[in-house]
N, C-alpha and C. Protein backbone atom coordinates (compact mmCIF):
# COMPACT_ATOMS: atom_id res chain seq x y z
N MET A 1 0.84 -1.18 0.00
CA MET A 1 0.00 0.00 0.00
C MET A 1 0.89 1.25 0.00
N THR A 2 0.60 2.17 -0.89
CA THR A 2 1.36 3.42 -0.98
C THR A 2 1.00 4.33 0.19
N THR A 3 2.02 5.00 0.74
CA THR A 3 1.82 6.01 1.77
C THR A 3 2.58 7.27 1.37
N VAL A 4 2.38 8.31 2.11
CA VAL A 4 3.07 9.58 1.84
C VAL A 4 4.59 9.40 1.90
N TYR A 5 5.04 8.42 2.67
CA TYR A 5 6.48 8.20 2.85
C TYR A 5 7.15 7.60 1.62
N ASP A 6 6.37 7.21 0.63
CA ASP A 6 6.93 6.64 -0.60
C ASP A 6 7.36 7.69 -1.62
N PHE A 7 7.14 8.97 -1.31
CA PHE A 7 7.43 10.03 -2.27
C PHE A 7 8.67 10.83 -1.89
N THR A 8 9.21 11.50 -2.89
CA THR A 8 10.34 12.41 -2.72
C THR A 8 9.93 13.75 -3.31
N ALA A 9 10.37 14.81 -2.69
CA ALA A 9 10.08 16.14 -3.21
C ALA A 9 11.34 16.99 -3.07
N ARG A 10 11.46 17.97 -3.94
CA ARG A 10 12.61 18.87 -3.90
C ARG A 10 12.35 19.98 -2.90
N ALA A 11 13.24 20.11 -1.93
CA ALA A 11 13.14 21.17 -0.92
C ALA A 11 13.37 22.52 -1.58
N ILE A 12 12.99 23.57 -0.91
CA ILE A 12 13.12 24.91 -1.47
C ILE A 12 14.58 25.29 -1.69
N ASP A 13 15.50 24.59 -1.02
CA ASP A 13 16.92 24.85 -1.24
C ASP A 13 17.50 24.00 -2.38
N GLY A 14 16.64 23.20 -3.04
CA GLY A 14 17.07 22.43 -4.20
C GLY A 14 17.48 21.00 -3.91
N THR A 15 17.51 20.60 -2.66
CA THR A 15 17.87 19.22 -2.33
C THR A 15 16.64 18.32 -2.39
N ASP A 16 16.85 17.08 -2.80
CA ASP A 16 15.76 16.11 -2.82
C ASP A 16 15.53 15.57 -1.41
N VAL A 17 14.27 15.53 -1.01
CA VAL A 17 13.91 15.09 0.34
C VAL A 17 12.98 13.89 0.24
N PRO A 18 13.46 12.71 0.63
CA PRO A 18 12.54 11.57 0.71
C PRO A 18 11.56 11.84 1.87
N LEU A 19 10.28 11.75 1.60
CA LEU A 19 9.32 12.02 2.67
C LEU A 19 9.35 10.93 3.74
N GLU A 20 10.10 9.87 3.47
CA GLU A 20 10.40 8.85 4.48
C GLU A 20 10.99 9.51 5.73
N ARG A 21 11.65 10.63 5.54
CA ARG A 21 12.25 11.39 6.64
C ARG A 21 11.22 11.73 7.72
N PHE A 22 9.95 11.80 7.33
CA PHE A 22 8.88 12.20 8.25
C PHE A 22 8.08 11.01 8.78
N ARG A 23 8.61 9.80 8.56
CA ARG A 23 7.90 8.58 9.00
C ARG A 23 7.55 8.69 10.48
N GLY A 24 6.33 8.29 10.81
CA GLY A 24 5.87 8.31 12.19
C GLY A 24 5.25 9.63 12.61
N LYS A 25 5.23 10.61 11.71
CA LYS A 25 4.64 11.91 12.02
C LYS A 25 3.35 12.10 11.23
N ALA A 26 2.40 12.77 11.85
CA ALA A 26 1.24 13.24 11.11
C ALA A 26 1.71 14.46 10.32
N LEU A 27 1.22 14.59 9.09
CA LEU A 27 1.66 15.68 8.22
C LEU A 27 0.47 16.50 7.74
N LEU A 28 0.67 17.80 7.67
CA LEU A 28 -0.29 18.68 7.02
C LEU A 28 0.42 19.23 5.78
N ILE A 29 -0.03 18.79 4.61
CA ILE A 29 0.59 19.15 3.34
C ILE A 29 -0.29 20.19 2.67
N VAL A 30 0.33 21.34 2.33
CA VAL A 30 -0.43 22.49 1.85
C VAL A 30 0.20 23.06 0.59
N ASN A 31 -0.63 23.31 -0.44
CA ASN A 31 -0.12 24.06 -1.59
C ASN A 31 -0.28 25.55 -1.26
N THR A 32 0.80 26.29 -1.36
CA THR A 32 0.84 27.66 -0.86
C THR A 32 1.10 28.66 -1.98
N ALA A 33 0.93 29.94 -1.66
CA ALA A 33 1.23 31.02 -2.60
C ALA A 33 1.47 32.30 -1.80
N SER A 34 2.38 33.12 -2.27
CA SER A 34 2.79 34.33 -1.56
C SER A 34 1.93 35.55 -1.85
N LYS A 35 1.13 35.50 -2.91
CA LYS A 35 0.34 36.67 -3.29
C LYS A 35 -1.14 36.32 -3.43
N CYS A 36 -1.64 35.60 -2.48
CA CYS A 36 -3.00 35.07 -2.50
C CYS A 36 -3.79 35.69 -1.35
N GLY A 37 -5.09 35.73 -1.49
CA GLY A 37 -5.93 36.21 -0.41
C GLY A 37 -5.83 35.35 0.85
N PHE A 38 -5.34 34.13 0.70
CA PHE A 38 -5.18 33.23 1.85
C PHE A 38 -3.75 33.20 2.38
N THR A 39 -2.86 34.03 1.83
CA THR A 39 -1.45 34.00 2.22
C THR A 39 -1.26 34.20 3.72
N SER A 40 -2.14 34.95 4.35
CA SER A 40 -2.01 35.16 5.80
C SER A 40 -2.12 33.85 6.58
N GLN A 41 -2.60 32.78 5.93
CA GLN A 41 -2.66 31.48 6.60
C GLN A 41 -1.28 30.94 6.94
N TYR A 42 -0.24 31.48 6.31
CA TYR A 42 1.12 31.07 6.69
C TYR A 42 1.32 31.23 8.20
N ALA A 43 0.79 32.31 8.78
CA ALA A 43 0.95 32.54 10.22
C ALA A 43 0.29 31.42 11.02
N GLY A 44 -0.90 31.03 10.63
CA GLY A 44 -1.59 29.94 11.33
C GLY A 44 -0.92 28.60 11.13
N LEU A 45 -0.40 28.37 9.93
CA LEU A 45 0.33 27.12 9.68
C LEU A 45 1.59 27.05 10.53
N GLU A 46 2.31 28.18 10.62
CA GLU A 46 3.50 28.22 11.47
C GLU A 46 3.11 28.01 12.93
N GLY A 47 1.96 28.56 13.33
CA GLY A 47 1.48 28.35 14.70
C GLY A 47 1.24 26.88 14.99
N LEU A 48 0.61 26.17 14.04
CA LEU A 48 0.40 24.72 14.22
C LEU A 48 1.73 24.00 14.29
N HIS A 49 2.66 24.39 13.42
CA HIS A 49 3.98 23.77 13.42
C HIS A 49 4.64 23.91 14.79
N ARG A 50 4.62 25.08 15.33
CA ARG A 50 5.26 25.32 16.64
C ARG A 50 4.52 24.61 17.77
N GLN A 51 3.19 24.62 17.70
CA GLN A 51 2.39 24.01 18.76
C GLN A 51 2.58 22.50 18.84
N TYR A 52 2.74 21.85 17.68
CA TYR A 52 2.76 20.39 17.66
C TYR A 52 4.08 19.76 17.23
N ALA A 53 5.11 20.54 17.03
CA ALA A 53 6.39 20.01 16.55
C ALA A 53 6.94 18.92 17.47
N ASP A 54 6.74 19.06 18.76
CA ASP A 54 7.27 18.07 19.69
C ASP A 54 6.33 16.89 19.89
N ARG A 55 5.24 16.84 19.10
CA ARG A 55 4.27 15.75 19.21
C ARG A 55 4.13 14.98 17.89
N SER A 56 5.23 14.86 17.16
CA SER A 56 5.26 14.08 15.92
C SER A 56 4.29 14.62 14.87
N PHE A 57 4.42 15.91 14.60
CA PHE A 57 3.60 16.58 13.60
C PHE A 57 4.47 17.55 12.81
N GLU A 58 4.23 17.62 11.49
CA GLU A 58 4.94 18.57 10.63
C GLU A 58 3.98 19.19 9.64
N VAL A 59 4.21 20.45 9.34
CA VAL A 59 3.55 21.12 8.23
C VAL A 59 4.55 21.11 7.08
N LEU A 60 4.09 20.79 5.87
CA LEU A 60 4.94 20.82 4.69
C LEU A 60 4.30 21.76 3.67
N GLY A 61 5.03 22.80 3.27
CA GLY A 61 4.51 23.78 2.33
C GLY A 61 5.04 23.57 0.92
N PHE A 62 4.14 23.56 -0.05
CA PHE A 62 4.48 23.37 -1.46
C PHE A 62 3.97 24.55 -2.28
N PRO A 63 4.81 25.53 -2.56
CA PRO A 63 4.39 26.66 -3.38
C PRO A 63 3.89 26.19 -4.75
N CYS A 64 2.87 26.90 -5.24
CA CYS A 64 2.27 26.55 -6.52
C CYS A 64 1.84 27.84 -7.22
N ASN A 65 2.13 27.93 -8.51
CA ASN A 65 1.81 29.12 -9.29
C ASN A 65 0.66 28.88 -10.27
N GLN A 66 -0.12 27.82 -10.05
CA GLN A 66 -1.18 27.47 -11.00
C GLN A 66 -2.47 28.25 -10.83
N PHE A 67 -2.62 29.00 -9.76
CA PHE A 67 -3.88 29.68 -9.48
C PHE A 67 -3.65 31.18 -9.50
N GLY A 68 -4.03 31.82 -10.57
CA GLY A 68 -3.91 33.26 -10.69
C GLY A 68 -2.47 33.75 -10.68
N HIS A 69 -1.52 32.88 -10.97
CA HIS A 69 -0.09 33.25 -10.96
C HIS A 69 0.28 33.97 -9.67
N GLN A 70 -0.18 33.41 -8.55
CA GLN A 70 0.02 34.05 -7.25
C GLN A 70 1.29 33.60 -6.54
N GLU A 71 2.12 32.82 -7.22
CA GLU A 71 3.43 32.45 -6.68
C GLU A 71 4.46 32.60 -7.79
N PRO A 72 4.74 33.84 -8.22
CA PRO A 72 5.61 34.06 -9.38
C PRO A 72 7.10 33.98 -9.08
N GLY A 73 7.49 34.08 -7.83
CA GLY A 73 8.91 34.17 -7.48
C GLY A 73 9.67 32.87 -7.64
N ARG A 74 10.98 33.02 -7.53
CA ARG A 74 11.88 31.86 -7.52
C ARG A 74 11.98 31.34 -6.09
N ALA A 75 12.56 30.16 -5.96
CA ALA A 75 12.64 29.49 -4.65
C ALA A 75 13.24 30.39 -3.57
N ALA A 76 14.35 31.05 -3.85
CA ALA A 76 15.00 31.89 -2.84
C ALA A 76 14.10 33.05 -2.43
N GLU A 77 13.37 33.62 -3.38
CA GLU A 77 12.45 34.72 -3.07
C GLU A 77 11.29 34.23 -2.20
N ILE A 78 10.77 33.07 -2.53
CA ILE A 78 9.66 32.49 -1.76
C ILE A 78 10.13 32.22 -0.33
N ALA A 79 11.29 31.59 -0.20
CA ALA A 79 11.82 31.27 1.13
C ALA A 79 12.02 32.53 1.95
N ALA A 80 12.59 33.55 1.34
CA ALA A 80 12.85 34.81 2.06
C ALA A 80 11.53 35.46 2.49
N PHE A 81 10.55 35.48 1.60
CA PHE A 81 9.25 36.06 1.92
C PHE A 81 8.61 35.33 3.10
N CYS A 82 8.56 34.01 3.04
CA CYS A 82 7.91 33.22 4.09
C CYS A 82 8.60 33.41 5.43
N SER A 83 9.91 33.43 5.41
CA SER A 83 10.67 33.59 6.64
C SER A 83 10.53 35.00 7.22
N SER A 84 10.73 36.01 6.40
CA SER A 84 10.73 37.38 6.92
C SER A 84 9.33 37.90 7.23
N THR A 85 8.32 37.47 6.49
CA THR A 85 6.97 37.99 6.69
C THR A 85 6.19 37.20 7.73
N PHE A 86 6.36 35.88 7.76
CA PHE A 86 5.56 35.05 8.65
C PHE A 86 6.38 34.19 9.60
N GLY A 87 7.70 34.31 9.57
CA GLY A 87 8.54 33.51 10.46
C GLY A 87 8.45 32.03 10.19
N VAL A 88 8.16 31.66 8.95
CA VAL A 88 7.97 30.25 8.61
C VAL A 88 9.26 29.47 8.87
N ASP A 89 9.11 28.43 9.68
CA ASP A 89 10.22 27.55 10.02
C ASP A 89 9.91 26.11 9.61
N PHE A 90 8.68 25.85 9.19
CA PHE A 90 8.34 24.48 8.76
C PHE A 90 8.94 24.22 7.38
N PRO A 91 9.12 22.97 7.01
CA PRO A 91 9.74 22.64 5.73
C PRO A 91 8.95 23.19 4.54
N MET A 92 9.67 23.87 3.67
CA MET A 92 9.10 24.39 2.43
C MET A 92 9.79 23.67 1.27
N PHE A 93 9.04 23.48 0.22
CA PHE A 93 9.53 22.75 -0.94
C PHE A 93 9.52 23.66 -2.16
N ASP A 94 10.16 23.19 -3.22
CA ASP A 94 10.21 23.94 -4.46
C ASP A 94 8.81 23.98 -5.07
N LYS A 95 8.59 24.91 -5.96
CA LYS A 95 7.30 25.05 -6.62
C LYS A 95 6.90 23.76 -7.33
N VAL A 96 5.62 23.42 -7.21
CA VAL A 96 5.08 22.23 -7.87
C VAL A 96 3.80 22.59 -8.60
N GLU A 97 3.40 21.72 -9.50
CA GLU A 97 2.07 21.78 -10.08
C GLU A 97 1.22 20.76 -9.34
N VAL A 98 0.00 21.15 -9.00
CA VAL A 98 -0.88 20.27 -8.24
C VAL A 98 -2.03 19.73 -9.08
N ASN A 99 -2.18 20.24 -10.29
CA ASN A 99 -3.22 19.81 -11.23
C ASN A 99 -2.59 19.61 -12.61
N GLY A 100 -3.31 18.90 -13.46
CA GLY A 100 -2.90 18.80 -14.86
C GLY A 100 -1.87 17.72 -15.12
N PRO A 101 -1.37 17.69 -16.37
CA PRO A 101 -0.47 16.61 -16.79
C PRO A 101 0.89 16.64 -16.10
N ASN A 102 1.29 17.77 -15.54
CA ASN A 102 2.58 17.87 -14.84
C ASN A 102 2.41 17.87 -13.33
N ARG A 103 1.27 17.39 -12.86
CA ARG A 103 0.99 17.32 -11.42
C ARG A 103 2.10 16.52 -10.75
N HIS A 104 2.62 17.07 -9.67
CA HIS A 104 3.66 16.36 -8.91
C HIS A 104 3.09 15.02 -8.44
N PRO A 105 3.89 13.94 -8.49
CA PRO A 105 3.39 12.62 -8.08
C PRO A 105 2.78 12.60 -6.67
N LEU A 106 3.32 13.39 -5.75
CA LEU A 106 2.74 13.44 -4.41
C LEU A 106 1.30 13.95 -4.48
N PHE A 107 1.08 15.02 -5.23
CA PHE A 107 -0.26 15.59 -5.31
C PHE A 107 -1.19 14.71 -6.16
N ASP A 108 -0.63 13.97 -7.09
CA ASP A 108 -1.43 13.00 -7.82
C ASP A 108 -1.98 11.97 -6.85
N TRP A 109 -1.13 11.50 -5.97
CA TRP A 109 -1.54 10.52 -4.97
C TRP A 109 -2.51 11.13 -3.95
N LEU A 110 -2.18 12.31 -3.41
CA LEU A 110 -3.04 12.95 -2.40
C LEU A 110 -4.45 13.15 -2.93
N THR A 111 -4.56 13.70 -4.14
CA THR A 111 -5.88 14.00 -4.70
C THR A 111 -6.64 12.74 -5.08
N GLY A 112 -5.94 11.65 -5.28
CA GLY A 112 -6.60 10.37 -5.51
C GLY A 112 -7.11 9.76 -4.23
N GLN A 113 -6.46 10.07 -3.12
CA GLN A 113 -6.86 9.52 -1.82
C GLN A 113 -8.07 10.24 -1.24
N LYS A 114 -8.08 11.56 -1.35
CA LYS A 114 -9.18 12.37 -0.82
C LYS A 114 -9.60 13.36 -1.89
N ARG A 115 -10.76 13.14 -2.41
CA ARG A 115 -11.27 14.00 -3.48
C ARG A 115 -11.92 15.24 -2.88
N GLY A 116 -12.03 16.25 -3.70
CA GLY A 116 -12.61 17.51 -3.26
C GLY A 116 -14.09 17.59 -3.54
N PHE A 117 -14.56 18.81 -3.69
CA PHE A 117 -15.96 19.10 -3.91
C PHE A 117 -16.51 18.32 -5.10
N LEU A 118 -17.64 17.69 -4.90
CA LEU A 118 -18.32 16.89 -5.92
C LEU A 118 -17.44 15.77 -6.48
N GLY A 119 -16.51 15.29 -5.67
CA GLY A 119 -15.69 14.16 -6.06
C GLY A 119 -14.54 14.48 -7.00
N SER A 120 -14.26 15.76 -7.20
CA SER A 120 -13.18 16.15 -8.10
C SER A 120 -11.81 15.88 -7.47
N ARG A 121 -10.89 15.42 -8.29
CA ARG A 121 -9.51 15.27 -7.83
C ARG A 121 -8.78 16.60 -7.83
N ASP A 122 -9.17 17.49 -8.74
CA ASP A 122 -8.45 18.75 -8.89
C ASP A 122 -8.52 19.61 -7.63
N ILE A 123 -7.42 20.29 -7.41
CA ILE A 123 -7.34 21.28 -6.34
C ILE A 123 -7.89 22.57 -6.93
N LYS A 124 -8.77 23.23 -6.20
CA LYS A 124 -9.45 24.41 -6.73
C LYS A 124 -8.68 25.71 -6.51
N TRP A 125 -7.82 25.79 -5.49
CA TRP A 125 -7.13 27.04 -5.22
C TRP A 125 -5.97 26.79 -4.25
N ASN A 126 -5.19 27.83 -4.04
CA ASN A 126 -4.08 27.79 -3.09
C ASN A 126 -4.59 27.52 -1.67
N PHE A 127 -3.74 26.92 -0.88
CA PHE A 127 -3.98 26.62 0.53
C PHE A 127 -5.01 25.51 0.74
N THR A 128 -5.10 24.58 -0.21
CA THR A 128 -5.81 23.33 0.03
C THR A 128 -4.88 22.50 0.92
N LYS A 129 -5.47 21.84 1.90
CA LYS A 129 -4.67 21.14 2.91
C LYS A 129 -5.04 19.66 2.97
N PHE A 130 -4.02 18.82 3.09
CA PHE A 130 -4.20 17.38 3.25
C PHE A 130 -3.54 16.96 4.56
N LEU A 131 -4.27 16.21 5.38
CA LEU A 131 -3.74 15.73 6.65
C LEU A 131 -3.53 14.23 6.55
N THR A 132 -2.33 13.80 6.93
CA THR A 132 -2.05 12.36 6.99
C THR A 132 -1.93 11.92 8.44
N ASP A 133 -2.19 10.66 8.68
CA ASP A 133 -1.97 10.11 10.01
C ASP A 133 -0.50 9.71 10.16
N ARG A 134 -0.14 9.14 11.29
CA ARG A 134 1.26 8.82 11.57
C ARG A 134 1.73 7.57 10.81
N GLU A 135 0.82 6.92 10.09
CA GLU A 135 1.19 5.80 9.23
C GLU A 135 1.31 6.25 7.77
N GLY A 136 1.09 7.53 7.52
CA GLY A 136 1.26 8.07 6.17
C GLY A 136 0.05 7.97 5.27
N ARG A 137 -1.12 7.70 5.86
CA ARG A 137 -2.37 7.62 5.10
C ARG A 137 -3.09 8.96 5.16
N VAL A 138 -3.70 9.36 4.04
CA VAL A 138 -4.47 10.61 4.02
C VAL A 138 -5.77 10.40 4.78
N VAL A 139 -6.02 11.25 5.77
CA VAL A 139 -7.23 11.12 6.57
C VAL A 139 -8.23 12.25 6.33
N ALA A 140 -7.76 13.38 5.78
CA ALA A 140 -8.68 14.51 5.56
C ALA A 140 -8.12 15.45 4.52
N ARG A 141 -9.04 16.13 3.86
CA ARG A 141 -8.72 17.19 2.90
C ARG A 141 -9.55 18.40 3.29
N PHE A 142 -8.90 19.56 3.32
CA PHE A 142 -9.57 20.78 3.74
C PHE A 142 -9.48 21.84 2.65
N ALA A 143 -10.58 22.54 2.43
CA ALA A 143 -10.65 23.59 1.42
C ALA A 143 -9.79 24.78 1.83
N PRO A 144 -9.40 25.60 0.86
CA PRO A 144 -8.54 26.75 1.13
C PRO A 144 -9.06 27.69 2.22
N GLN A 145 -10.36 27.90 2.26
CA GLN A 145 -10.90 28.86 3.22
C GLN A 145 -10.90 28.35 4.66
N VAL A 146 -10.62 27.07 4.87
CA VAL A 146 -10.56 26.52 6.23
C VAL A 146 -9.26 27.01 6.88
N GLU A 147 -9.42 27.79 7.93
CA GLU A 147 -8.27 28.36 8.63
C GLU A 147 -7.50 27.27 9.38
N PRO A 148 -6.19 27.41 9.46
CA PRO A 148 -5.39 26.40 10.17
C PRO A 148 -5.87 26.11 11.59
N ALA A 149 -6.30 27.10 12.34
CA ALA A 149 -6.75 26.88 13.72
C ALA A 149 -7.94 25.92 13.78
N ALA A 150 -8.76 25.88 12.73
CA ALA A 150 -9.92 24.99 12.71
C ALA A 150 -9.51 23.53 12.59
N LEU A 151 -8.26 23.26 12.24
CA LEU A 151 -7.78 21.90 12.05
C LEU A 151 -7.34 21.24 13.36
N VAL A 152 -7.23 22.02 14.43
CA VAL A 152 -6.69 21.49 15.68
C VAL A 152 -7.38 20.20 16.14
N PRO A 153 -8.70 20.11 16.18
CA PRO A 153 -9.31 18.86 16.65
C PRO A 153 -8.89 17.64 15.81
N GLU A 154 -8.84 17.81 14.49
CA GLU A 154 -8.45 16.68 13.63
C GLU A 154 -6.98 16.35 13.79
N ILE A 155 -6.14 17.36 13.94
CA ILE A 155 -4.71 17.11 14.16
C ILE A 155 -4.52 16.35 15.47
N GLU A 156 -5.20 16.79 16.51
CA GLU A 156 -5.05 16.12 17.81
C GLU A 156 -5.50 14.67 17.76
N ARG A 157 -6.51 14.36 16.95
CA ARG A 157 -6.94 12.96 16.80
C ARG A 157 -5.84 12.10 16.18
N GLN A 158 -4.99 12.71 15.37
CA GLN A 158 -3.92 11.96 14.72
C GLN A 158 -2.68 11.82 15.58
N LEU A 159 -2.61 12.55 16.66
CA LEU A 159 -1.45 12.49 17.54
C LEU A 159 -1.73 11.57 18.69
């Protein structure tokens, strides 16, 4: 059975990261953007990261430029923005596509595990969130407008 730990993604610094590195942790995987109406959610995501880091939980951010071209920068610019504006310390990855023929394999798998509105696999906008349990299985998918703080009960169930 495939789990989130079977994938590799390129970190924002350009190194390949086997997600096996996060084995045993619940993960919140989010497609992000720096110029989106939901960009302020970075603060809430960082809050979750800090609140639960010592309880086998990680937030993983995946910038995406597929929605309104709201992530136009290069990796270094994205990293600097996230760090200086929101104090982001959780792992950030290089830009990915989350829909279409060039969809990153991780997001191909995530969207196949938990479908969105009306059963669609496609991600509708930035800040769609996927929660995995500590065995690497997808347990929930949350729409962009769902604020990070609203995820606390579901995160706690996974810890």
